[in-house]
Structures are given as structure tokens and as C-alpha cells.
Amino acid sequence: MRWLIGGAVVVAGGMVARRLLGGTDQGDGHRQRGQTQRRGPRWHVATVNRPAGDVAPGGQLPEPLAGLGDAVEVQLRPAPGDQGTEIAVRLRDGSRLPVAAAARRATGRDPEQAIRAALRESKQLIETSEVLHPDYPPTTEPTPMNKPLRMATQQGRREGRL
């Protein structure tokens, strides 16, 4: 019985190692052996209901995106179905280690958070000419009973979602 469990563990470990180190996806779901998978920085995309000329008049990006400077790459392209413009943003410095990213996110210093916030604020500025904040200023007094709601709302301001 022990050899059966040991064999199952070895097979499962081999499958995990193959998946992690096995190769790159060629776009058709098949991987080539011997090649490691390379992941670049993730694109964050928002669709704005405005033409590209209104999104970046004169080539000037909205302030929240312009404030990120050269740390990000920004692309503007027509949205599918002629439904406005897509703004795509990603970090220039390449991929990061997931553990380091988790630590930065927990401390509130993750550049991905800054990208999401800048993209969300830029979309609001372009479409409504102002940045909207959830329940700001608060409409209730701080009490122990509404503390969980206040904490969730604060997280929503930082991340853009609860």
C-alpha cells in the first residue's frame, strides 16, 4: 500500500514539474518540450466610450496615466464594434516574482494597484470630467457596528473593487 501512495506522489510531482518547466504554449494549446514558459507583464485594459482623439487630445494622456511616467507602456486602439477606444497599460520592467508582488500588494506599494487606479480614474475623467469616489465624504458616523463596511469601502477606493 505504501508503494502505491509513494508512486502516486512521484507521478503527481512529475506532472507538476512538467507543467511548470515543460515548455511554451504555441497558441494552439500545445507546448514544445525543452522551452520554458515566459510571462511578461499583464496588460490592464479599459474601454472608454469616446473616440481616440478625445482620450488623448494632442497626444497628451489624462493626468492619472501621465503621472505614471515612463514606468508604463500605454496603447490606444479602437474598441471592437466601433464602441469607443481601448486604453491598454502595462509595466515596462517585465514580470515580477509572485511572492514579492504579494508582499508589495499587502503593504499598498504594488505598481499594479497604481496602474488599476490610474486606468479607472482616467476612464472617469474622460467620460464624466471628474473622478467619483464611493461615499466620500462618509454619510454616517463611525461606529463599531459599521467598521467592517468602512474597511471594505476603503479597500474599494484603493483597489477599485470590494
C-alpha atoms as a PDB file:
ATOM      1  CA  MET A   1       0.000   0.000   0.000  1.00  0.00           C
ATOM      2  CA  ARG A   2       2.851   2.406   0.823  1.00  0.00           C
ATOM      3  CA  TRP A   3       4.487   1.873  -2.547  1.00  0.00           C
ATOM      4  CA  LEU A   4       1.186   2.725  -4.254  1.00  0.00           C
ATOM      5  CA  ILE A   5       0.890   6.028  -2.377  1.00  0.00           C
ATOM      6  CA  GLY A   6       4.585   6.776  -2.977  1.00  0.00           C
ATOM      7  CA  GLY A   7       4.178   6.069  -6.683  1.00  0.00           C
ATOM      8  CA  ALA A   8       1.155   8.389  -6.884  1.00  0.00           C
ATOM      9  CA  VAL A   9       3.130  11.170  -5.194  1.00  0.00           C
ATOM     10  CA  VAL A  10       6.028  10.746  -7.638  1.00  0.00           C
ATOM     11  CA  VAL A  11       3.693  10.801 -10.660  1.00  0.00           C
ATOM     12  CA  ALA A  12       1.864  13.895  -9.373  1.00  0.00           C
ATOM     13  CA  GLY A  13       5.172  15.642  -8.666  1.00  0.00           C
ATOM     14  CA  GLY A  14       6.372  14.839 -12.171  1.00  0.00           C
ATOM     15  CA  MET A  15       3.185  16.251 -13.673  1.00  0.00           C
ATOM     16  CA  VAL A  16       3.554  19.486 -11.707  1.00  0.00           C
ATOM     17  CA  ALA A  17       7.232  19.815 -12.677  1.00  0.00           C
ATOM     18  CA  ARG A  18       6.408  19.194 -16.337  1.00  0.00           C
ATOM     19  CA  ARG A  19       3.684  21.830 -16.280  1.00  0.00           C
ATOM     20  CA  LEU A  20       5.962  24.391 -14.628  1.00  0.00           C
ATOM     21  CA  LEU A  21       9.092  23.649 -16.666  1.00  0.00           C
ATOM     22  CA  GLY A  22       7.693  21.837 -19.686  1.00  0.00           C
ATOM     23  CA  GLY A  23       7.608  24.422 -22.460  1.00  0.00           C
ATOM     24  CA  THR A  24       5.784  27.278 -24.071  1.00  0.00           C
ATOM     25  CA  ASP A  25       2.278  27.317 -25.415  1.00  0.00           C
ATOM     26  CA  GLN A  26       2.298  27.755 -29.177  1.00  0.00           C
ATOM     27  CA  GLY A  27      -1.147  29.337 -29.269  1.00  0.00           C
ATOM     28  CA  ASP A  28      -2.886  26.078 -30.200  1.00  0.00           C
ATOM     29  CA  GLY A  29      -2.757  24.591 -26.701  1.00  0.00           C
ATOM     30  CA  HIS A  30       0.377  22.510 -27.409  1.00  0.00           C
ATOM     31  CA  ARG A  31       3.719  23.069 -25.737  1.00  0.00           C
ATOM     32  CA  GLN A  32       7.165  22.423 -27.117  1.00  0.00           C
ATOM     33  CA  ARG A  33       9.423  20.406 -24.855  1.00  0.00           C
ATOM     34  CA  GLY A  34      12.578  21.920 -23.505  1.00  0.00           C
ATOM     35  CA  GLN A  35      11.419  25.531 -23.675  1.00  0.00           C
ATOM     36  CA  THR A  36      10.451  27.413 -20.545  1.00  0.00           C
ATOM     37  CA  GLN A  37       7.322  29.489 -20.417  1.00  0.00           C
ATOM     38  CA  ARG A  38       7.931  33.248 -20.424  1.00  0.00           C
ATOM     39  CA  ARG A  39       5.357  35.541 -18.940  1.00  0.00           C
ATOM     40  CA  GLY A  40       5.511  39.243 -19.479  1.00  0.00           C
ATOM     41  CA  PRO A  41       3.759  41.948 -17.522  1.00  0.00           C
ATOM     42  CA  ARG A  42      -0.025  41.816 -17.620  1.00  0.00           C
ATOM     43  CA  TRP A  43      -1.968  44.284 -19.772  1.00  0.00           C
ATOM     44  CA  HIS A  44      -4.708  46.193 -17.942  1.00  0.00           C
ATOM     45  CA  VAL A  45      -7.388  47.348 -20.391  1.00  0.00           C
ATOM     46  CA  ALA A  46     -10.370  49.676 -20.060  1.00  0.00           C
ATOM     47  CA  THR A  47     -12.854  50.649 -22.764  1.00  0.00           C
ATOM     48  CA  VAL A  48     -13.764  54.331 -22.868  1.00  0.00           C
ATOM     49  CA  ASN A  49     -16.886  55.470 -24.670  1.00  0.00           C
ATOM     50  CA  ARG A  50     -15.049  58.207 -26.579  1.00  0.00           C
ATOM     51  CA  PRO A  51     -13.039  58.390 -29.816  1.00  0.00           C
ATOM     52  CA  ALA A  52      -9.234  58.210 -29.571  1.00  0.00           C
ATOM     53  CA  GLY A  53      -8.958  61.955 -30.233  1.00  0.00           C
ATOM     54  CA  ASP A  54     -10.926  62.668 -27.051  1.00  0.00           C
ATOM     55  CA  VAL A  55      -8.946  60.152 -24.987  1.00  0.00           C
ATOM     56  CA  ALA A  56      -5.541  61.695 -25.693  1.00  0.00           C
ATOM     57  CA  PRO A  57      -6.042  65.111 -27.310  1.00  0.00           C
ATOM     58  CA  GLY A  58      -2.804  66.255 -28.892  1.00  0.00           C
ATOM     59  CA  GLY A  59      -1.096  63.063 -27.723  1.00  0.00           C
ATOM     60  CA  GLN A  60      -1.469  64.041 -24.050  1.00  0.00           C
ATOM     61  CA  LEU A  61      -2.706  61.231 -21.817  1.00  0.00           C
ATOM     62  CA  PRO A  62      -5.079  62.016 -18.921  1.00  0.00           C
ATOM     63  CA  GLU A  63      -3.295  63.111 -15.740  1.00  0.00           C
ATOM     64  CA  PRO A  64      -3.627  59.835 -13.792  1.00  0.00           C
ATOM     65  CA  LEU A  65      -1.934  57.887 -16.620  1.00  0.00           C
ATOM     66  CA  ALA A  66       0.574  60.621 -17.385  1.00  0.00           C
ATOM     67  CA  GLY A  67       1.547  60.611 -13.701  1.00  0.00           C
ATOM     68  CA  LEU A  68       2.854  57.045 -14.050  1.00  0.00           C
ATOM     69  CA  GLY A  69       5.523  58.365 -16.431  1.00  0.00           C
ATOM     70  CA  ASP A  70       7.924  56.042 -18.222  1.00  0.00           C
ATOM     71  CA  ALA A  71       7.257  53.157 -15.822  1.00  0.00           C
ATOM     72  CA  VAL A  72       4.346  52.022 -18.005  1.00  0.00           C
ATOM     73  CA  GLU A  73       3.607  51.354 -21.644  1.00  0.00           C
ATOM     74  CA  VAL A  74       0.277  52.728 -22.900  1.00  0.00           C
ATOM     75  CA  GLN A  75      -1.553  51.721 -26.085  1.00  0.00           C
ATOM     76  CA  LEU A  76      -4.705  53.274 -27.522  1.00  0.00           C
ATOM     77  CA  ARG A  77      -6.727  51.257 -30.027  1.00  0.00           C
ATOM     78  CA  PRO A  78     -10.278  51.257 -31.352  1.00  0.00           C
ATOM     79  CA  ALA A  79     -12.676  49.151 -29.289  1.00  0.00           C
ATOM     80  CA  PRO A  80     -14.413  46.238 -31.012  1.00  0.00           C
ATOM     81  CA  GLY A  81     -17.595  47.148 -32.838  1.00  0.00           C
ATOM     82  CA  ASP A  82     -16.604  50.818 -33.049  1.00  0.00           C
ATOM     83  CA  GLN A  83     -17.694  51.251 -29.415  1.00  0.00           C
ATOM     84  CA  GLY A  84     -15.101  53.807 -28.318  1.00  0.00           C
ATOM     85  CA  THR A  85     -11.408  53.371 -27.505  1.00  0.00           C
ATOM     86  CA  GLU A  86      -9.493  50.772 -25.535  1.00  0.00           C
ATOM     87  CA  ILE A  87      -6.729  52.019 -23.246  1.00  0.00           C
ATOM     88  CA  ALA A  88      -4.173  49.286 -22.503  1.00  0.00           C
ATOM     89  CA  VAL A  89      -1.496  49.805 -19.833  1.00  0.00           C
ATOM     90  CA  ARG A  90       1.306  47.544 -18.549  1.00  0.00           C
ATOM     91  CA  LEU A  91       4.564  47.829 -16.624  1.00  0.00           C
ATOM     92  CA  ARG A  92       7.716  48.212 -18.693  1.00  0.00           C
ATOM     93  CA  ASP A  93      10.099  46.471 -16.277  1.00  0.00           C
ATOM     94  CA  GLY A  94       8.882  42.940 -17.027  1.00  0.00           C
ATOM     95  CA  SER A  95       7.447  40.271 -14.800  1.00  0.00           C
ATOM     96  CA  ARG A  96       7.987  40.090 -11.070  1.00  0.00           C
ATOM     97  CA  LEU A  97       8.185  37.253  -8.604  1.00  0.00           C
ATOM     98  CA  PRO A  98       4.698  36.412  -7.278  1.00  0.00           C
ATOM     99  CA  VAL A  99       5.883  36.377  -3.645  1.00  0.00           C
ATOM    100  CA  ALA A 100       7.386  39.857  -3.920  1.00  0.00           C
ATOM    101  CA  ALA A 101       4.241  41.116  -5.672  1.00  0.00           C
ATOM    102  CA  ALA A 102       2.057  39.729  -2.865  1.00  0.00           C
ATOM    103  CA  ALA A 103       4.209  41.458  -0.251  1.00  0.00           C
ATOM    104  CA  ARG A 104       4.054  44.796  -2.091  1.00  0.00           C
ATOM    105  CA  ARG A 105       0.309  44.466  -2.531  1.00  0.00           C
ATOM    106  CA  ALA A 106      -0.213  43.807   1.184  1.00  0.00           C
ATOM    107  CA  THR A 107       1.735  46.961   2.052  1.00  0.00           C
ATOM    108  CA  GLY A 108      -0.085  49.040  -0.577  1.00  0.00           C
ATOM    109  CA  ARG A 109       3.012  49.624  -2.743  1.00  0.00           C
ATOM    110  CA  ASP A 110       2.203  47.356  -5.671  1.00  0.00           C
ATOM    111  CA  PRO A 111       2.668  49.119  -9.030  1.00  0.00           C
ATOM    112  CA  GLU A 112      -0.213  47.047 -10.432  1.00  0.00           C
ATOM    113  CA  GLN A 113      -2.525  48.796  -7.927  1.00  0.00           C
ATOM    114  CA  ALA A 114      -1.304  52.161  -9.187  1.00  0.00           C
ATOM    115  CA  ILE A 115      -1.961  51.097 -12.787  1.00  0.00           C
ATOM    116  CA  ARG A 116      -5.502  49.918 -11.996  1.00  0.00           C
ATOM    117  CA  ALA A 117      -6.270  53.107 -10.064  1.00  0.00           C
ATOM    118  CA  ALA A 118      -4.841  55.358 -12.807  1.00  0.00           C
ATOM    119  CA  LEU A 119      -6.768  53.498 -15.500  1.00  0.00           C
ATOM    120  CA  ARG A 120     -10.015  53.692 -13.522  1.00  0.00           C
ATOM    121  CA  GLU A 121      -9.564  57.403 -12.745  1.00  0.00           C
ATOM    122  CA  SER A 122      -8.613  58.183 -16.358  1.00  0.00           C
ATOM    123  CA  LYS A 123     -11.751  56.460 -17.626  1.00  0.00           C
ATOM    124  CA  GLN A 124     -13.870  58.501 -15.209  1.00  0.00           C
ATOM    125  CA  LEU A 125     -12.152  61.765 -16.173  1.00  0.00           C
ATOM    126  CA  ILE A 126     -12.603  61.112 -19.885  1.00  0.00           C
ATOM    127  CA  GLU A 127     -16.253  60.074 -19.630  1.00  0.00           C
ATOM    128  CA  THR A 128     -17.556  62.337 -16.827  1.00  0.00           C
ATOM    129  CA  SER A 129     -14.849  65.021 -16.369  1.00  0.00           C
ATOM    130  CA  GLU A 130     -14.472  64.131 -12.680  1.00  0.00           C
ATOM    131  CA  VAL A 131     -13.202  61.287 -10.502  1.00  0.00           C
ATOM    132  CA  LEU A 132     -16.002  59.758  -8.488  1.00  0.00           C
ATOM    133  CA  HIS A 133     -15.287  58.365  -5.025  1.00  0.00           C
ATOM    134  CA  PRO A 134     -17.566  55.884  -3.244  1.00  0.00           C
ATOM    135  CA  ASP A 135     -19.410  57.516  -0.370  1.00  0.00           C
ATOM    136  CA  TYR A 136     -16.961  60.361   0.103  1.00  0.00           C
ATOM    137  CA  PRO A 137     -17.342  62.164   2.473  1.00  0.00           C
ATOM    138  CA  PRO A 138     -18.943  59.439   4.593  1.00  0.00           C
ATOM    139  CA  THR A 139     -22.645  59.859   5.262  1.00  0.00           C
ATOM    140  CA  THR A 140     -22.587  58.050   8.601  1.00  0.00           C
ATOM    141  CA  GLU A 141     -20.794  58.403  11.902  1.00  0.00           C
ATOM    142  CA  PRO A 142     -18.026  55.888  12.603  1.00  0.00           C
ATOM    143  CA  THR A 143     -19.318  53.228  14.991  1.00  0.00           C
ATOM    144  CA  PRO A 144     -18.083  49.754  15.926  1.00  0.00           C
ATOM    145  CA  MET A 145     -21.086  48.304  14.080  1.00  0.00           C
ATOM    146  CA  ASN A 146     -20.235  49.862  10.684  1.00  0.00           C
ATOM    147  CA  LYS A 147     -16.464  49.351  10.919  1.00  0.00           C
ATOM    148  CA  PRO A 148     -16.467  46.309   8.532  1.00  0.00           C
ATOM    149  CA  LEU A 149     -18.326  48.370   5.938  1.00  0.00           C
ATOM    150  CA  ARG A 150     -15.909  51.276   6.325  1.00  0.00           C
ATOM    151  CA  MET A 151     -12.933  48.925   5.889  1.00  0.00           C
ATOM    152  CA  ALA A 152     -14.481  47.368   2.759  1.00  0.00           C
ATOM    153  CA  THR A 153     -15.208  50.797   1.287  1.00  0.00           C
ATOM    154  CA  GLN A 154     -11.634  51.913   1.975  1.00  0.00           C
ATOM    155  CA  GLN A 155     -10.335  48.806   0.186  1.00  0.00           C
ATOM    156  CA  GLY A 156     -12.710  49.572  -2.691  1.00  0.00           C
ATOM    157  CA  ARG A 157     -11.191  53.052  -3.057  1.00  0.00           C
ATOM    158  CA  ARG A 158      -7.702  51.579  -3.239  1.00  0.00           C
ATOM    159  CA  GLU A 159      -8.419  48.555  -5.455  1.00  0.00           C
ATOM    160  CA  GLY A 160     -11.495  49.668  -7.331  1.00  0.00           C
ATOM    161  CA  ARG A 161     -13.483  46.686  -6.154  1.00  0.00           C
ATOM    162  CA  LEU A 162     -14.684  45.208  -2.895  1.00  0.00           C
END
